[in-house]
N, C-alpha and C. Protein backbone atom coordinates (compact mmCIF):
# COMPACT_ATOMS: atom_id res chain seq x y z
N UNK A 1 65.63 -7.10 21.00
CA UNK A 1 65.86 -7.25 22.41
C UNK A 1 64.73 -6.61 23.20
N UNK A 2 64.28 -5.41 22.76
CA UNK A 2 63.19 -4.71 23.45
C UNK A 2 61.90 -5.53 23.40
N UNK A 3 61.65 -6.16 22.21
CA UNK A 3 60.45 -6.97 22.05
C UNK A 3 60.48 -8.16 22.99
N UNK A 4 61.65 -8.77 23.17
CA UNK A 4 61.78 -9.92 24.07
C UNK A 4 61.54 -9.50 25.52
N UNK A 5 62.09 -8.31 25.93
CA UNK A 5 61.90 -7.82 27.25
C UNK A 5 60.43 -7.50 27.51
N UNK A 6 59.78 -6.85 26.54
CA UNK A 6 58.33 -6.53 26.67
C UNK A 6 57.53 -7.81 26.77
N UNK A 7 57.89 -8.83 25.99
CA UNK A 7 57.18 -10.12 26.03
C UNK A 7 57.31 -10.76 27.41
N UNK A 8 58.51 -10.71 27.99
CA UNK A 8 58.70 -11.28 29.33
C UNK A 8 57.89 -10.53 30.39
N UNK A 9 57.86 -9.22 30.27
CA UNK A 9 57.07 -8.43 31.20
C UNK A 9 55.61 -8.78 31.09
N UNK A 10 55.12 -8.87 29.86
CA UNK A 10 53.69 -9.19 29.70
C UNK A 10 53.37 -10.59 30.17
N UNK A 11 54.27 -11.55 29.97
CA UNK A 11 54.06 -12.88 30.48
C UNK A 11 53.96 -12.87 31.99
N UNK A 12 54.81 -12.13 32.64
CA UNK A 12 54.80 -12.07 34.11
C UNK A 12 53.49 -11.49 34.60
N UNK A 13 52.93 -10.50 33.88
CA UNK A 13 51.70 -9.88 34.32
C UNK A 13 50.47 -10.68 33.91
N UNK A 14 50.62 -11.69 33.08
CA UNK A 14 49.47 -12.45 32.61
C UNK A 14 49.28 -13.77 33.34
N UNK A 15 50.21 -14.11 34.22
CA UNK A 15 50.11 -15.38 34.94
C UNK A 15 49.04 -15.23 36.03
N UNK A 16 47.93 -15.99 35.96
CA UNK A 16 46.91 -15.88 36.96
C UNK A 16 47.40 -16.30 38.34
N UNK A 17 46.92 -15.60 39.33
CA UNK A 17 47.23 -15.98 40.71
C UNK A 17 46.10 -16.90 41.20
N UNK A 18 46.16 -18.13 40.79
CA UNK A 18 45.07 -19.09 41.00
C UNK A 18 44.74 -19.25 42.48
N UNK A 19 43.45 -19.34 42.73
CA UNK A 19 42.96 -19.66 44.05
C UNK A 19 42.90 -18.48 45.01
N UNK A 20 43.38 -17.32 44.62
CA UNK A 20 43.35 -16.17 45.52
C UNK A 20 41.98 -15.51 45.47
N UNK A 21 41.36 -15.35 46.60
CA UNK A 21 40.09 -14.62 46.68
C UNK A 21 40.20 -13.48 47.65
N UNK A 22 40.98 -13.68 48.74
CA UNK A 22 41.19 -12.63 49.72
C UNK A 22 42.50 -12.92 50.41
N UNK A 23 43.15 -11.86 50.93
CA UNK A 23 44.38 -12.08 51.66
C UNK A 23 44.05 -12.43 53.12
N UNK A 24 45.06 -12.56 53.95
CA UNK A 24 44.83 -12.99 55.32
C UNK A 24 44.03 -11.99 56.14
N UNK A 25 44.00 -10.69 55.70
CA UNK A 25 43.21 -9.70 56.36
C UNK A 25 41.81 -9.56 55.77
N UNK A 26 41.49 -10.40 54.77
CA UNK A 26 40.16 -10.35 54.16
C UNK A 26 40.02 -9.36 53.03
N UNK A 27 41.12 -8.70 52.60
CA UNK A 27 41.05 -7.78 51.45
C UNK A 27 40.99 -8.60 50.16
N UNK A 28 40.16 -8.12 49.23
CA UNK A 28 40.02 -8.80 47.97
C UNK A 28 41.37 -8.92 47.28
N UNK A 29 41.65 -10.09 46.75
CA UNK A 29 42.88 -10.32 45.99
C UNK A 29 42.50 -10.74 44.59
N UNK A 30 43.37 -10.53 43.63
CA UNK A 30 43.05 -10.89 42.22
C UNK A 30 42.89 -12.37 42.02
N UNK A 31 41.98 -12.73 41.15
CA UNK A 31 41.82 -14.14 40.74
C UNK A 31 42.19 -14.30 39.28
N UNK A 32 42.35 -13.19 38.57
CA UNK A 32 42.78 -13.25 37.17
C UNK A 32 44.16 -12.62 37.00
N UNK A 33 44.60 -12.43 35.79
CA UNK A 33 45.93 -11.84 35.55
C UNK A 33 46.00 -10.45 36.15
N UNK A 34 47.11 -10.20 36.87
CA UNK A 34 47.32 -8.90 37.50
C UNK A 34 47.73 -7.89 36.41
N UNK A 35 46.98 -6.79 36.28
CA UNK A 35 47.31 -5.79 35.29
C UNK A 35 47.80 -4.48 35.94
N UNK A 36 47.70 -4.39 37.29
CA UNK A 36 48.15 -3.18 37.97
C UNK A 36 48.64 -3.56 39.36
N UNK A 37 49.82 -3.02 39.69
CA UNK A 37 50.36 -3.13 41.08
C UNK A 37 50.51 -1.72 41.62
N UNK A 38 50.06 -1.54 42.88
CA UNK A 38 50.29 -0.29 43.56
C UNK A 38 51.11 -0.59 44.79
N UNK A 39 52.23 0.12 44.91
CA UNK A 39 53.18 -0.15 46.00
C UNK A 39 53.48 1.11 46.75
N UNK A 40 54.02 0.98 47.94
CA UNK A 40 54.37 2.15 48.75
C UNK A 40 53.53 2.23 49.98
N UNK A 41 53.29 3.44 50.44
CA UNK A 41 52.57 3.68 51.67
C UNK A 41 51.05 3.63 51.42
N UNK A 42 50.51 2.40 51.46
CA UNK A 42 49.07 2.20 51.21
C UNK A 42 48.44 1.50 52.41
N UNK A 43 47.15 1.78 52.62
CA UNK A 43 46.43 1.20 53.75
C UNK A 43 45.88 -0.21 53.48
N UNK A 44 45.43 -0.45 52.28
CA UNK A 44 44.73 -1.71 51.95
C UNK A 44 45.52 -2.52 50.95
N UNK A 45 46.44 -3.32 51.44
CA UNK A 45 47.20 -4.17 50.52
C UNK A 45 46.55 -5.56 50.49
N UNK A 46 46.83 -6.30 49.43
CA UNK A 46 46.21 -7.64 49.31
C UNK A 46 47.21 -8.73 48.94
N UNK A 47 48.43 -8.36 48.53
CA UNK A 47 49.46 -9.36 48.17
C UNK A 47 50.82 -8.87 48.64
N UNK A 48 51.34 -9.46 49.68
CA UNK A 48 52.72 -9.16 50.13
C UNK A 48 52.98 -7.66 50.32
N UNK A 49 52.09 -6.95 50.98
CA UNK A 49 52.27 -5.53 51.26
C UNK A 49 52.01 -4.61 50.08
N UNK A 50 51.49 -5.14 49.00
CA UNK A 50 51.18 -4.35 47.81
C UNK A 50 49.67 -4.51 47.51
N UNK A 51 49.16 -3.67 46.65
CA UNK A 51 47.79 -3.81 46.14
C UNK A 51 47.87 -4.27 44.69
N UNK A 52 47.37 -5.45 44.43
CA UNK A 52 47.37 -6.02 43.06
C UNK A 52 45.93 -6.02 42.56
N UNK A 53 45.77 -5.65 41.30
CA UNK A 53 44.43 -5.59 40.70
C UNK A 53 44.40 -6.36 39.39
N UNK A 54 43.33 -7.16 39.20
CA UNK A 54 43.06 -7.71 37.89
C UNK A 54 42.01 -6.81 37.26
N UNK A 55 41.66 -7.07 36.00
CA UNK A 55 40.71 -6.20 35.29
C UNK A 55 39.34 -6.17 35.99
N UNK A 56 38.88 -7.30 36.46
CA UNK A 56 37.55 -7.35 37.11
C UNK A 56 37.52 -6.51 38.38
N UNK A 57 38.60 -6.50 39.14
CA UNK A 57 38.65 -5.69 40.36
C UNK A 57 38.55 -4.21 40.01
N UNK A 58 39.26 -3.78 38.97
CA UNK A 58 39.20 -2.37 38.55
C UNK A 58 37.84 -2.02 38.00
N UNK A 59 37.20 -2.97 37.33
CA UNK A 59 35.84 -2.71 36.81
C UNK A 59 34.78 -2.64 37.89
N UNK A 60 35.05 -3.26 39.04
CA UNK A 60 34.08 -3.20 40.16
C UNK A 60 34.14 -1.87 40.91
N UNK A 61 35.20 -1.12 40.71
CA UNK A 61 35.23 0.22 41.32
C UNK A 61 34.23 1.12 40.59
N UNK A 62 33.73 2.19 41.23
CA UNK A 62 32.82 3.08 40.52
C UNK A 62 33.49 3.58 39.24
N UNK A 63 32.76 3.50 38.14
CA UNK A 63 33.30 3.90 36.82
C UNK A 63 32.88 5.32 36.46
N UNK A 64 33.74 5.97 35.74
CA UNK A 64 33.51 7.33 35.24
C UNK A 64 33.83 7.32 33.75
N UNK A 65 33.21 8.19 33.00
CA UNK A 65 33.51 8.22 31.58
C UNK A 65 33.45 9.65 31.05
N UNK A 66 34.15 9.87 29.95
CA UNK A 66 34.12 11.14 29.25
C UNK A 66 34.55 10.92 27.80
N UNK A 67 34.25 11.91 26.99
CA UNK A 67 34.72 11.93 25.61
C UNK A 67 35.77 13.00 25.51
N UNK A 68 36.87 12.66 24.83
CA UNK A 68 37.96 13.64 24.67
C UNK A 68 38.80 13.28 23.45
N UNK A 69 39.46 14.26 22.92
CA UNK A 69 40.55 14.02 22.00
C UNK A 69 41.81 13.98 22.83
N UNK A 70 42.88 13.43 22.29
CA UNK A 70 44.15 13.45 22.98
C UNK A 70 45.22 13.90 21.98
N UNK A 71 46.36 14.33 22.46
CA UNK A 71 47.44 14.69 21.57
C UNK A 71 47.97 13.48 20.76
N UNK A 72 47.59 12.26 21.11
CA UNK A 72 48.17 11.06 20.48
C UNK A 72 47.16 10.30 19.61
N UNK A 73 45.91 10.69 19.62
CA UNK A 73 44.88 10.00 18.82
C UNK A 73 44.32 10.94 17.79
N UNK A 74 43.69 10.38 16.76
CA UNK A 74 43.21 11.18 15.64
C UNK A 74 41.81 11.78 15.80
N UNK A 75 41.05 11.23 16.72
CA UNK A 75 39.66 11.71 16.85
C UNK A 75 39.22 11.67 18.32
N UNK A 76 38.03 12.19 18.56
CA UNK A 76 37.45 12.15 19.89
C UNK A 76 36.98 10.73 20.16
N UNK A 77 37.26 10.22 21.33
CA UNK A 77 36.83 8.88 21.72
C UNK A 77 36.18 8.94 23.09
N UNK A 78 35.43 7.88 23.38
CA UNK A 78 34.75 7.74 24.68
C UNK A 78 35.60 6.80 25.51
N UNK A 79 36.02 7.27 26.71
CA UNK A 79 36.87 6.50 27.62
C UNK A 79 36.14 6.21 28.91
N UNK A 80 36.41 5.04 29.50
CA UNK A 80 35.79 4.63 30.75
C UNK A 80 36.82 4.02 31.69
N UNK A 81 36.61 4.23 32.97
CA UNK A 81 37.47 3.63 33.99
C UNK A 81 37.21 4.32 35.31
N UNK A 82 37.83 3.81 36.36
CA UNK A 82 37.64 4.44 37.68
C UNK A 82 38.38 5.79 37.73
N UNK A 83 37.83 6.73 38.47
CA UNK A 83 38.54 7.98 38.74
C UNK A 83 39.80 7.65 39.53
N UNK A 84 40.88 8.26 39.20
CA UNK A 84 42.13 8.01 39.93
C UNK A 84 41.97 8.36 41.41
N UNK A 85 41.23 9.42 41.70
CA UNK A 85 41.06 9.79 43.14
C UNK A 85 40.31 8.71 43.89
N UNK A 86 39.34 8.04 43.25
CA UNK A 86 38.61 6.96 43.89
C UNK A 86 39.49 5.73 44.12
N UNK A 87 40.27 5.38 43.11
CA UNK A 87 41.20 4.24 43.23
C UNK A 87 42.18 4.48 44.39
N UNK A 88 42.78 5.67 44.43
CA UNK A 88 43.76 5.95 45.47
C UNK A 88 43.11 6.07 46.84
N UNK A 89 41.93 6.67 46.92
CA UNK A 89 41.24 6.78 48.20
C UNK A 89 40.89 5.39 48.74
N UNK A 90 40.59 4.47 47.86
CA UNK A 90 40.34 3.06 48.23
C UNK A 90 41.54 2.48 48.97
N UNK A 91 42.74 3.02 48.67
CA UNK A 91 43.96 2.54 49.30
C UNK A 91 44.46 3.47 50.39
N UNK A 92 43.63 4.49 50.73
CA UNK A 92 44.00 5.39 51.82
C UNK A 92 44.94 6.51 51.38
N UNK A 93 44.98 6.83 50.09
CA UNK A 93 45.88 7.86 49.58
C UNK A 93 45.07 9.07 49.15
N UNK A 94 45.26 10.21 49.82
CA UNK A 94 44.51 11.40 49.47
C UNK A 94 45.40 12.62 49.25
N UNK A 95 46.70 12.45 49.42
CA UNK A 95 47.60 13.59 49.21
C UNK A 95 49.00 13.04 48.86
N UNK A 96 49.90 13.95 48.54
CA UNK A 96 51.24 13.55 48.16
C UNK A 96 51.36 13.42 46.66
N UNK A 97 52.14 12.44 46.23
CA UNK A 97 52.28 12.22 44.81
C UNK A 97 52.49 10.73 44.53
N UNK A 98 52.33 10.37 43.28
CA UNK A 98 52.54 8.99 42.84
C UNK A 98 53.47 9.00 41.63
N UNK A 99 54.20 7.93 41.47
CA UNK A 99 55.03 7.74 40.28
C UNK A 99 54.36 6.61 39.50
N UNK A 100 53.97 6.93 38.25
CA UNK A 100 53.27 5.97 37.40
C UNK A 100 54.25 5.40 36.41
N UNK A 101 54.37 4.07 36.37
CA UNK A 101 55.33 3.37 35.51
C UNK A 101 54.58 2.66 34.39
N UNK A 102 55.16 2.73 33.18
CA UNK A 102 54.57 2.12 32.02
C UNK A 102 55.37 0.91 31.57
N UNK A 103 54.74 0.05 30.78
CA UNK A 103 55.40 -1.14 30.27
C UNK A 103 56.64 -0.83 29.47
N UNK A 104 56.66 0.33 28.79
CA UNK A 104 57.79 0.69 27.94
C UNK A 104 58.91 1.39 28.71
N UNK A 105 58.80 1.46 30.03
CA UNK A 105 59.86 2.08 30.84
C UNK A 105 59.61 3.54 31.15
N UNK A 106 58.65 4.17 30.51
CA UNK A 106 58.33 5.58 30.80
C UNK A 106 57.75 5.67 32.20
N UNK A 107 58.03 6.75 32.89
CA UNK A 107 57.42 7.00 34.19
C UNK A 107 57.20 8.50 34.39
N UNK A 108 56.19 8.81 35.18
CA UNK A 108 55.86 10.22 35.46
C UNK A 108 55.41 10.34 36.88
N UNK A 109 55.91 11.41 37.54
CA UNK A 109 55.47 11.72 38.89
C UNK A 109 54.25 12.65 38.77
N UNK A 110 53.19 12.30 39.45
CA UNK A 110 51.92 13.05 39.37
C UNK A 110 51.50 13.41 40.78
N UNK A 111 51.22 14.72 41.03
CA UNK A 111 50.69 15.07 42.35
C UNK A 111 49.26 14.56 42.48
N UNK A 112 48.94 13.98 43.64
CA UNK A 112 47.57 13.48 43.87
C UNK A 112 46.56 14.60 43.72
N UNK A 113 46.96 15.84 43.96
CA UNK A 113 46.02 16.97 43.81
C UNK A 113 45.45 17.05 42.40
N UNK A 114 46.19 16.62 41.35
CA UNK A 114 45.66 16.57 39.99
C UNK A 114 44.35 15.79 39.94
N UNK A 115 44.32 14.70 40.69
CA UNK A 115 43.17 13.80 40.64
C UNK A 115 41.93 14.41 41.33
N UNK A 116 42.14 15.44 42.14
CA UNK A 116 41.02 16.16 42.77
C UNK A 116 40.68 17.42 41.96
N UNK A 117 41.64 17.96 41.27
CA UNK A 117 41.42 19.14 40.44
C UNK A 117 40.72 18.81 39.13
N UNK A 118 40.93 17.58 38.62
CA UNK A 118 40.41 17.14 37.32
C UNK A 118 39.84 15.73 37.48
N UNK A 119 38.92 15.37 36.62
CA UNK A 119 38.33 14.02 36.63
C UNK A 119 39.25 13.07 35.83
N UNK A 120 40.43 12.84 36.35
CA UNK A 120 41.39 11.94 35.70
C UNK A 120 40.96 10.49 35.94
N UNK A 121 40.95 9.70 34.88
CA UNK A 121 40.57 8.31 35.05
C UNK A 121 41.74 7.38 34.73
N UNK A 122 41.63 6.16 35.22
CA UNK A 122 42.50 5.08 34.80
C UNK A 122 41.70 4.36 33.73
N UNK A 123 41.87 4.77 32.51
CA UNK A 123 41.04 4.26 31.41
C UNK A 123 41.27 2.77 31.20
N UNK A 124 40.16 2.04 31.24
CA UNK A 124 40.13 0.60 30.94
C UNK A 124 39.56 0.34 29.55
N UNK A 125 38.70 1.24 29.08
CA UNK A 125 38.01 1.04 27.82
C UNK A 125 38.05 2.31 26.98
N UNK A 126 38.08 2.09 25.70
CA UNK A 126 37.94 3.19 24.72
C UNK A 126 36.81 2.74 23.77
N UNK A 127 35.82 3.57 23.63
CA UNK A 127 34.67 3.27 22.76
C UNK A 127 34.06 1.90 23.10
N UNK A 128 33.97 1.58 24.40
CA UNK A 128 33.31 0.36 24.86
C UNK A 128 34.14 -0.90 24.83
N UNK A 129 35.40 -0.81 24.38
CA UNK A 129 36.26 -1.99 24.24
C UNK A 129 37.52 -1.83 25.11
N UNK A 130 38.03 -2.96 25.56
CA UNK A 130 39.33 -2.94 26.29
C UNK A 130 40.35 -2.30 25.35
N UNK A 131 41.28 -1.52 25.95
CA UNK A 131 42.29 -0.85 25.13
C UNK A 131 43.47 -1.80 24.94
N UNK A 132 43.81 -2.13 23.69
CA UNK A 132 44.93 -3.03 23.43
C UNK A 132 46.27 -2.35 23.80
N UNK A 133 47.26 -3.15 24.13
CA UNK A 133 48.58 -2.62 24.46
C UNK A 133 49.13 -1.76 23.31
N UNK A 134 48.93 -2.22 22.09
CA UNK A 134 49.44 -1.47 20.92
C UNK A 134 48.79 -0.13 20.74
N UNK A 135 47.65 0.11 21.46
CA UNK A 135 46.92 1.36 21.31
C UNK A 135 46.75 2.06 22.66
N UNK A 136 47.84 2.04 23.47
CA UNK A 136 47.93 2.77 24.74
C UNK A 136 47.38 2.03 25.94
N UNK A 137 46.93 0.78 25.81
CA UNK A 137 46.39 0.05 26.94
C UNK A 137 47.40 -0.85 27.60
N UNK A 138 46.98 -1.67 28.48
CA UNK A 138 45.60 -1.90 28.86
C UNK A 138 45.04 -0.84 29.81
N UNK A 139 45.95 -0.05 30.43
CA UNK A 139 45.51 1.02 31.37
C UNK A 139 46.18 2.32 30.96
N UNK A 140 45.42 3.42 31.06
CA UNK A 140 45.92 4.70 30.65
C UNK A 140 45.47 5.76 31.66
N UNK A 141 46.41 6.43 32.35
CA UNK A 141 46.07 7.55 33.20
C UNK A 141 45.73 8.68 32.22
N UNK A 142 44.43 9.00 32.17
CA UNK A 142 43.93 9.88 31.11
C UNK A 142 43.20 11.10 31.68
N UNK A 143 43.67 12.25 31.27
CA UNK A 143 43.04 13.52 31.65
C UNK A 143 41.96 13.87 30.64
N UNK A 144 40.90 14.56 31.07
CA UNK A 144 39.83 14.98 30.15
C UNK A 144 40.26 16.22 29.39
N UNK A 145 41.18 16.04 28.43
CA UNK A 145 41.85 17.14 27.72
C UNK A 145 40.87 18.20 27.14
N UNK A 146 39.71 17.76 26.68
CA UNK A 146 38.78 18.70 26.05
C UNK A 146 38.02 19.57 27.05
N UNK A 147 38.14 19.28 28.37
CA UNK A 147 37.39 20.03 29.38
C UNK A 147 38.08 21.25 29.91
N UNK A 148 39.39 21.38 29.68
CA UNK A 148 40.13 22.51 30.22
C UNK A 148 41.40 22.72 29.40
N UNK A 149 41.54 23.93 28.85
CA UNK A 149 42.72 24.22 28.03
C UNK A 149 44.04 24.05 28.78
N UNK A 150 44.03 24.19 30.11
CA UNK A 150 45.22 24.04 30.90
C UNK A 150 45.79 22.60 30.79
N UNK A 151 44.92 21.65 30.48
CA UNK A 151 45.36 20.26 30.37
C UNK A 151 46.20 20.00 29.11
N UNK A 152 46.18 20.93 28.17
CA UNK A 152 46.92 20.74 26.94
C UNK A 152 48.38 21.18 27.05
N UNK A 153 48.78 21.63 28.22
CA UNK A 153 50.20 22.05 28.40
C UNK A 153 51.11 20.83 28.37
N UNK A 154 52.35 21.07 28.03
CA UNK A 154 53.33 19.96 27.97
C UNK A 154 53.43 19.27 29.32
N UNK A 155 53.42 20.02 30.39
CA UNK A 155 53.54 19.44 31.74
C UNK A 155 52.42 18.44 32.00
N UNK A 156 51.19 18.76 31.61
CA UNK A 156 50.06 17.90 31.87
C UNK A 156 50.08 16.69 30.89
N UNK A 157 50.47 16.94 29.67
CA UNK A 157 50.55 15.82 28.68
C UNK A 157 51.52 14.74 29.15
N UNK A 158 52.64 15.17 29.76
CA UNK A 158 53.62 14.18 30.24
C UNK A 158 53.08 13.33 31.38
N UNK A 159 52.03 13.77 32.03
CA UNK A 159 51.42 13.00 33.15
C UNK A 159 50.39 11.98 32.68
N UNK A 160 50.00 12.03 31.43
CA UNK A 160 49.02 11.08 30.88
C UNK A 160 49.79 9.83 30.42
N UNK A 161 49.99 8.94 31.36
CA UNK A 161 50.83 7.75 31.09
C UNK A 161 49.92 6.62 30.55
N UNK A 162 50.37 6.05 29.42
CA UNK A 162 49.68 4.89 28.87
C UNK A 162 50.48 3.64 29.15
N UNK A 163 49.88 2.50 28.91
CA UNK A 163 50.48 1.18 29.20
C UNK A 163 50.93 1.10 30.66
N UNK A 164 50.07 1.62 31.53
CA UNK A 164 50.38 1.61 32.97
C UNK A 164 50.47 0.20 33.51
N UNK A 165 51.54 -0.08 34.29
CA UNK A 165 51.65 -1.38 34.96
C UNK A 165 51.81 -1.25 36.45
N UNK A 166 52.30 -0.10 36.94
CA UNK A 166 52.52 0.04 38.35
C UNK A 166 52.43 1.48 38.77
N UNK A 167 51.95 1.69 40.00
CA UNK A 167 51.89 3.01 40.60
C UNK A 167 52.61 2.91 41.94
N UNK A 168 53.69 3.75 42.10
CA UNK A 168 54.41 3.82 43.34
C UNK A 168 53.89 5.04 44.13
N UNK A 169 53.44 4.82 45.33
CA UNK A 169 53.01 5.93 46.20
C UNK A 169 54.24 6.50 46.85
N UNK A 170 54.47 7.78 46.68
CA UNK A 170 55.68 8.42 47.20
C UNK A 170 55.42 9.06 48.55
């Protein structure tokens, strides 16, 4: 049953929004499969009061990278993606908190201040390749664990959400 539900969710997120290039206000809208929705109190929406992103849109944001080990992987890897603070600032969010939802139903509330205190990325790639769903992708809110021992606490580990599909601005 869980596999069927996950399949339906993935199908819904993989249907291209054909013909969309910009919304009525001129904000860029996805032309490929939507892999991230950001909802809530945002300044720059592009689809029905929400911000929808396909992979290409996220890759056009300034990219950041680091190497780190994680509590869930066996070795140090190279991760790339936009800084969470840049993604949220693009939508007019610079304070408060966000609730990050994963494909598997997990969710975590993260204070936006984390994204200014640490170089947290929305990882799109690991070792130069897109991250498969089976290996924590396609999107992973990832902290640079090797850069600060404080990031290895249980509280911080619970904020590193993989298989991200939606961010709710609180």
